[in-house]
Amino acid sequence: MNKTLYTIALLVTAAATTTAFAHAKLQKSEPENGSTVAVAPAAVKLHYNEPVEAAMSSVKFTGSGDVVVQAGMPTLAEGDDKTLVVPVPKLQAGDYRVEWSTMGRDGHHTKGEVRFTVK
């Protein structure tokens, strides 16, 4: 095989491997990370770049002083397998942190956090 064909084959293989091992990454959240909202949300929505498994996802929701807030179980948004919806109780004014962990359909776990403030 000549050197040019070998290089092209190597680049194609590397690109395919990178795509195959992509992980679910948070694209945006509602409320947005770092935002201040005037009205407390009834649910937090986490939008990912690829489908996620709700059954393999968890969310820890805490308020000011790291007080645990009893949020509902994460479920997929209706008709959208890339968005987790987490129902939350009526939130008082304060700072909140959402620590999430999910698994994409590729079987890899990812995690992160979102912070927001309710006025």
N, C-alpha and C. Protein backbone atom coordinates (compact mmCIF):
# COMPACT_ATOMS: atom_id res chain seq x y z
N MET A 1 0.87 -1.17 0.00
CA MET A 1 0.00 0.00 0.00
C MET A 1 0.91 1.23 0.00
N ASN A 2 0.57 2.18 -0.87
CA ASN A 2 1.44 3.35 -0.89
C ASN A 2 1.18 4.24 0.32
N LYS A 3 2.08 5.15 0.56
CA LYS A 3 2.05 5.97 1.77
C LYS A 3 0.79 6.85 1.84
N THR A 4 0.32 7.39 0.72
CA THR A 4 -0.86 8.25 0.70
C THR A 4 -2.11 7.46 1.08
N LEU A 5 -2.28 6.27 0.49
CA LEU A 5 -3.44 5.45 0.82
C LEU A 5 -3.42 5.01 2.28
N TYR A 6 -2.24 4.68 2.77
CA TYR A 6 -2.10 4.29 4.17
C TYR A 6 -2.52 5.45 5.09
N THR A 7 -2.08 6.65 4.78
CA THR A 7 -2.42 7.83 5.59
C THR A 7 -3.92 8.09 5.57
N ILE A 8 -4.53 7.99 4.39
CA ILE A 8 -5.98 8.19 4.28
C ILE A 8 -6.72 7.14 5.08
N ALA A 9 -6.32 5.89 4.98
CA ALA A 9 -6.96 4.81 5.73
C ALA A 9 -6.84 5.05 7.23
N LEU A 10 -5.69 5.51 7.67
CA LEU A 10 -5.47 5.78 9.09
C LEU A 10 -6.36 6.92 9.57
N LEU A 11 -6.49 7.97 8.79
CA LEU A 11 -7.34 9.11 9.17
C LEU A 11 -8.82 8.72 9.22
N VAL A 12 -9.28 7.93 8.25
CA VAL A 12 -10.67 7.48 8.24
C VAL A 12 -10.96 6.61 9.46
N THR A 13 -10.05 5.72 9.79
CA THR A 13 -10.21 4.85 10.96
C THR A 13 -10.25 5.68 12.25
N ALA A 14 -9.37 6.65 12.36
CA ALA A 14 -9.35 7.50 13.56
C ALA A 14 -10.64 8.28 13.69
N ALA A 15 -11.16 8.82 12.60
CA ALA A 15 -12.41 9.58 12.64
C ALA A 15 -13.58 8.68 13.03
N ALA A 16 -13.63 7.49 12.48
CA ALA A 16 -14.72 6.55 12.80
C ALA A 16 -14.66 6.13 14.26
N THR A 17 -13.47 5.91 14.78
CA THR A 17 -13.31 5.51 16.17
C THR A 17 -13.74 6.63 17.11
N THR A 18 -13.39 7.86 16.80
CA THR A 18 -13.78 9.00 17.62
C THR A 18 -15.29 9.11 17.67
N THR A 19 -15.96 8.96 16.54
CA THR A 19 -17.41 9.04 16.49
C THR A 19 -18.05 7.90 17.27
N ALA A 20 -17.51 6.71 17.15
CA ALA A 20 -18.09 5.55 17.82
C ALA A 20 -18.00 5.66 19.34
N PHE A 21 -16.98 6.33 19.85
CA PHE A 21 -16.81 6.43 21.29
C PHE A 21 -17.24 7.77 21.87
N ALA A 22 -18.09 8.49 21.16
CA ALA A 22 -18.61 9.75 21.68
C ALA A 22 -19.49 9.46 22.89
N HIS A 23 -19.56 10.39 23.82
CA HIS A 23 -20.36 10.23 25.03
C HIS A 23 -21.46 11.27 25.05
N ALA A 24 -22.51 11.00 25.83
CA ALA A 24 -23.59 11.95 25.98
C ALA A 24 -23.05 13.18 26.71
N LYS A 25 -23.16 14.33 26.08
CA LYS A 25 -22.68 15.58 26.68
C LYS A 25 -23.86 16.52 26.84
N LEU A 26 -23.90 17.19 27.98
CA LEU A 26 -24.96 18.16 28.22
C LEU A 26 -24.78 19.34 27.27
N GLN A 27 -25.82 19.64 26.51
CA GLN A 27 -25.79 20.76 25.57
C GLN A 27 -26.36 22.03 26.18
N LYS A 28 -27.43 21.87 26.95
CA LYS A 28 -28.04 23.01 27.65
C LYS A 28 -28.96 22.48 28.73
N SER A 29 -29.35 23.39 29.59
CA SER A 29 -30.28 23.03 30.66
C SER A 29 -31.32 24.13 30.79
N GLU A 30 -32.44 23.75 31.38
CA GLU A 30 -33.49 24.71 31.72
C GLU A 30 -33.81 24.50 33.19
N PRO A 31 -33.54 25.48 34.05
CA PRO A 31 -32.89 26.76 33.83
C PRO A 31 -31.44 26.58 33.36
N GLU A 32 -30.94 27.62 32.70
CA GLU A 32 -29.57 27.57 32.20
C GLU A 32 -28.57 27.61 33.34
N ASN A 33 -27.43 26.96 33.13
CA ASN A 33 -26.36 26.95 34.12
C ASN A 33 -25.93 28.40 34.41
N GLY A 34 -25.90 28.74 35.70
CA GLY A 34 -25.46 30.06 36.12
C GLY A 34 -26.53 31.14 36.04
N SER A 35 -27.74 30.77 35.67
CA SER A 35 -28.79 31.77 35.50
C SER A 35 -29.50 32.09 36.81
N THR A 36 -30.22 33.22 36.79
CA THR A 36 -31.10 33.60 37.87
C THR A 36 -32.49 33.69 37.28
N VAL A 37 -33.44 32.99 37.88
CA VAL A 37 -34.81 32.98 37.37
C VAL A 37 -35.75 33.65 38.37
N ALA A 38 -36.73 34.36 37.85
CA ALA A 38 -37.70 35.04 38.71
C ALA A 38 -38.77 34.08 39.21
N VAL A 39 -39.08 33.08 38.39
CA VAL A 39 -40.10 32.10 38.73
C VAL A 39 -39.44 30.73 38.85
N ALA A 40 -39.68 30.06 39.96
CA ALA A 40 -39.09 28.74 40.17
C ALA A 40 -39.65 27.75 39.15
N PRO A 41 -38.80 26.91 38.57
CA PRO A 41 -39.28 25.93 37.60
C PRO A 41 -40.01 24.77 38.28
N ALA A 42 -40.94 24.16 37.57
CA ALA A 42 -41.62 22.96 38.08
C ALA A 42 -40.78 21.72 37.79
N ALA A 43 -39.83 21.87 36.85
CA ALA A 43 -38.96 20.76 36.48
C ALA A 43 -37.65 21.35 35.94
N VAL A 44 -36.61 20.56 36.05
CA VAL A 44 -35.33 20.90 35.44
C VAL A 44 -35.20 20.01 34.21
N LYS A 45 -34.81 20.60 33.08
CA LYS A 45 -34.63 19.84 31.84
C LYS A 45 -33.16 19.85 31.46
N LEU A 46 -32.65 18.67 31.16
CA LEU A 46 -31.26 18.49 30.77
C LEU A 46 -31.23 17.96 29.33
N HIS A 47 -30.70 18.76 28.42
CA HIS A 47 -30.67 18.42 26.99
C HIS A 47 -29.27 17.94 26.61
N TYR A 48 -29.19 16.72 26.06
CA TYR A 48 -27.91 16.12 25.68
C TYR A 48 -27.75 16.06 24.17
N ASN A 49 -26.53 15.77 23.73
CA ASN A 49 -26.23 15.70 22.30
C ASN A 49 -26.59 14.36 21.67
N GLU A 50 -26.94 13.39 22.47
CA GLU A 50 -27.32 12.07 21.96
C GLU A 50 -28.34 11.44 22.91
N PRO A 51 -29.03 10.40 22.48
CA PRO A 51 -30.02 9.75 23.35
C PRO A 51 -29.38 9.24 24.64
N VAL A 52 -30.15 9.35 25.73
CA VAL A 52 -29.69 8.88 27.04
C VAL A 52 -30.69 7.88 27.60
N GLU A 53 -30.26 7.13 28.58
CA GLU A 53 -31.09 6.12 29.23
C GLU A 53 -31.60 6.67 30.57
N ALA A 54 -32.89 6.96 30.65
CA ALA A 54 -33.46 7.51 31.88
C ALA A 54 -33.28 6.54 33.06
N ALA A 55 -33.41 5.25 32.80
CA ALA A 55 -33.30 4.26 33.87
C ALA A 55 -31.88 4.20 34.45
N MET A 56 -30.91 4.66 33.71
CA MET A 56 -29.51 4.65 34.15
C MET A 56 -29.04 6.06 34.50
N SER A 57 -29.97 6.95 34.75
CA SER A 57 -29.64 8.34 35.06
C SER A 57 -30.04 8.66 36.50
N SER A 58 -29.29 9.56 37.11
CA SER A 58 -29.63 10.00 38.46
C SER A 58 -29.36 11.49 38.58
N VAL A 59 -30.08 12.11 39.51
CA VAL A 59 -29.93 13.53 39.75
C VAL A 59 -29.97 13.76 41.26
N LYS A 60 -28.98 14.48 41.77
CA LYS A 60 -28.98 14.91 43.17
C LYS A 60 -29.21 16.41 43.14
N PHE A 61 -30.23 16.84 43.82
CA PHE A 61 -30.67 18.24 43.79
C PHE A 61 -30.47 18.83 45.18
N THR A 62 -29.67 19.88 45.29
CA THR A 62 -29.43 20.50 46.60
C THR A 62 -29.69 21.99 46.54
N GLY A 63 -30.07 22.54 47.68
CA GLY A 63 -30.30 23.96 47.81
C GLY A 63 -29.22 24.61 48.65
N SER A 64 -29.48 25.82 49.10
CA SER A 64 -28.52 26.57 49.92
C SER A 64 -28.10 25.74 51.12
N GLY A 65 -26.82 25.80 51.45
CA GLY A 65 -26.30 25.04 52.59
C GLY A 65 -26.23 23.55 52.32
N ASP A 66 -26.26 23.16 51.06
CA ASP A 66 -26.21 21.74 50.65
C ASP A 66 -27.37 20.93 51.22
N VAL A 67 -28.50 21.58 51.44
CA VAL A 67 -29.70 20.88 51.89
C VAL A 67 -30.29 20.11 50.70
N VAL A 68 -30.51 18.81 50.88
CA VAL A 68 -31.04 17.98 49.79
C VAL A 68 -32.49 18.34 49.53
N VAL A 69 -32.81 18.53 48.25
CA VAL A 69 -34.18 18.79 47.81
C VAL A 69 -34.70 17.49 47.19
N GLN A 70 -35.85 17.03 47.62
CA GLN A 70 -36.42 15.78 47.11
C GLN A 70 -37.02 16.01 45.72
N ALA A 71 -36.24 15.76 44.70
CA ALA A 71 -36.70 15.89 43.32
C ALA A 71 -37.28 14.55 42.87
N GLY A 72 -38.06 14.59 41.79
CA GLY A 72 -38.63 13.37 41.23
C GLY A 72 -37.60 12.59 40.44
N MET A 73 -38.01 11.44 39.96
CA MET A 73 -37.13 10.60 39.15
C MET A 73 -36.97 11.20 37.76
N PRO A 74 -35.77 11.14 37.19
CA PRO A 74 -35.59 11.65 35.83
C PRO A 74 -36.32 10.74 34.82
N THR A 75 -37.01 11.38 33.90
CA THR A 75 -37.68 10.65 32.81
C THR A 75 -37.31 11.34 31.50
N LEU A 76 -37.53 10.65 30.41
CA LEU A 76 -37.29 11.27 29.11
C LEU A 76 -38.45 12.19 28.76
N ALA A 77 -38.14 13.31 28.12
CA ALA A 77 -39.18 14.21 27.64
C ALA A 77 -39.99 13.47 26.58
N GLU A 78 -41.26 13.73 26.53
CA GLU A 78 -42.12 13.06 25.56
C GLU A 78 -41.63 13.32 24.14
N GLY A 79 -41.35 12.26 23.42
CA GLY A 79 -40.91 12.35 22.03
C GLY A 79 -39.48 12.84 21.85
N ASP A 80 -38.68 12.89 22.94
CA ASP A 80 -37.30 13.39 22.85
C ASP A 80 -36.40 12.54 23.74
N ASP A 81 -35.68 11.60 23.14
CA ASP A 81 -34.83 10.72 23.93
C ASP A 81 -33.47 11.32 24.25
N LYS A 82 -33.30 12.62 23.98
CA LYS A 82 -32.07 13.33 24.32
C LYS A 82 -32.27 14.30 25.49
N THR A 83 -33.48 14.34 26.05
CA THR A 83 -33.78 15.28 27.12
C THR A 83 -34.34 14.58 28.35
N LEU A 84 -33.67 14.78 29.49
CA LEU A 84 -34.18 14.28 30.76
C LEU A 84 -34.97 15.39 31.44
N VAL A 85 -36.08 15.01 32.04
CA VAL A 85 -36.92 15.95 32.78
C VAL A 85 -36.96 15.47 34.23
N VAL A 86 -36.65 16.40 35.14
CA VAL A 86 -36.63 16.07 36.57
C VAL A 86 -37.62 16.99 37.29
N PRO A 87 -38.77 16.45 37.71
CA PRO A 87 -39.73 17.28 38.45
C PRO A 87 -39.14 17.72 39.80
N VAL A 88 -39.40 18.97 40.17
CA VAL A 88 -38.91 19.47 41.46
C VAL A 88 -40.09 20.06 42.25
N PRO A 89 -40.00 20.01 43.57
CA PRO A 89 -41.07 20.63 44.38
C PRO A 89 -41.01 22.14 44.24
N LYS A 90 -41.96 22.82 44.84
CA LYS A 90 -41.95 24.28 44.80
C LYS A 90 -40.67 24.78 45.48
N LEU A 91 -39.87 25.50 44.71
CA LEU A 91 -38.59 25.98 45.22
C LEU A 91 -38.72 27.39 45.80
N GLN A 92 -38.10 27.59 46.93
CA GLN A 92 -38.04 28.91 47.54
C GLN A 92 -36.88 29.69 46.91
N ALA A 93 -36.80 30.98 47.19
CA ALA A 93 -35.68 31.78 46.71
C ALA A 93 -34.39 31.20 47.27
N GLY A 94 -33.36 31.16 46.44
CA GLY A 94 -32.07 30.64 46.89
C GLY A 94 -31.27 30.06 45.75
N ASP A 95 -30.12 29.52 46.10
CA ASP A 95 -29.20 28.91 45.13
C ASP A 95 -29.42 27.41 45.10
N TYR A 96 -29.36 26.84 43.89
CA TYR A 96 -29.59 25.40 43.72
C TYR A 96 -28.50 24.79 42.85
N ARG A 97 -28.21 23.52 43.15
CA ARG A 97 -27.22 22.75 42.38
C ARG A 97 -27.85 21.43 41.98
N VAL A 98 -27.70 21.09 40.70
CA VAL A 98 -28.21 19.84 40.15
C VAL A 98 -26.99 19.03 39.71
N GLU A 99 -26.70 17.95 40.43
CA GLU A 99 -25.60 17.07 40.05
C GLU A 99 -26.21 15.89 39.29
N TRP A 100 -25.85 15.74 38.03
CA TRP A 100 -26.46 14.71 37.20
C TRP A 100 -25.43 13.67 36.77
N SER A 101 -25.94 12.48 36.52
CA SER A 101 -25.16 11.38 35.97
C SER A 101 -26.09 10.64 35.02
N THR A 102 -25.60 10.36 33.83
CA THR A 102 -26.44 9.65 32.87
C THR A 102 -25.60 8.69 32.05
N MET A 103 -26.27 7.82 31.33
CA MET A 103 -25.60 6.89 30.45
C MET A 103 -26.19 7.04 29.06
N GLY A 104 -25.31 7.21 28.09
CA GLY A 104 -25.74 7.24 26.70
C GLY A 104 -25.99 5.83 26.21
N ARG A 105 -26.56 5.74 25.05
CA ARG A 105 -26.84 4.40 24.50
C ARG A 105 -25.57 3.65 24.13
N ASP A 106 -24.43 4.36 24.14
CA ASP A 106 -23.16 3.69 23.89
C ASP A 106 -22.64 2.98 25.14
N GLY A 107 -23.36 3.14 26.28
CA GLY A 107 -22.99 2.46 27.51
C GLY A 107 -22.03 3.23 28.39
N HIS A 108 -21.62 4.41 27.97
CA HIS A 108 -20.69 5.22 28.76
C HIS A 108 -21.44 6.20 29.65
N HIS A 109 -20.97 6.31 30.89
CA HIS A 109 -21.55 7.26 31.85
C HIS A 109 -20.85 8.60 31.74
N THR A 110 -21.63 9.66 31.89
CA THR A 110 -21.08 11.00 31.99
C THR A 110 -21.76 11.69 33.18
N LYS A 111 -21.12 12.71 33.70
CA LYS A 111 -21.72 13.42 34.82
C LYS A 111 -21.30 14.88 34.78
N GLY A 112 -22.02 15.68 35.54
CA GLY A 112 -21.72 17.10 35.61
C GLY A 112 -22.68 17.77 36.56
N GLU A 113 -22.69 19.09 36.53
CA GLU A 113 -23.60 19.82 37.40
C GLU A 113 -24.07 21.10 36.74
N VAL A 114 -25.23 21.56 37.19
CA VAL A 114 -25.85 22.79 36.74
C VAL A 114 -26.20 23.57 38.01
N ARG A 115 -25.93 24.86 38.00
CA ARG A 115 -26.29 25.72 39.13
C ARG A 115 -27.20 26.83 38.64
N PHE A 116 -28.18 27.19 39.48
CA PHE A 116 -29.03 28.32 39.16
C PHE A 116 -29.57 28.91 40.46
N THR A 117 -30.11 30.12 40.34
CA THR A 117 -30.65 30.83 41.49
C THR A 117 -32.09 31.20 41.22
N VAL A 118 -32.94 31.04 42.23
CA VAL A 118 -34.33 31.50 42.17
C VAL A 118 -34.39 32.79 42.98
N LYS A 119 -34.91 33.85 42.36
CA LYS A 119 -35.02 35.16 43.07
C LYS A 119 -36.05 35.10 44.15
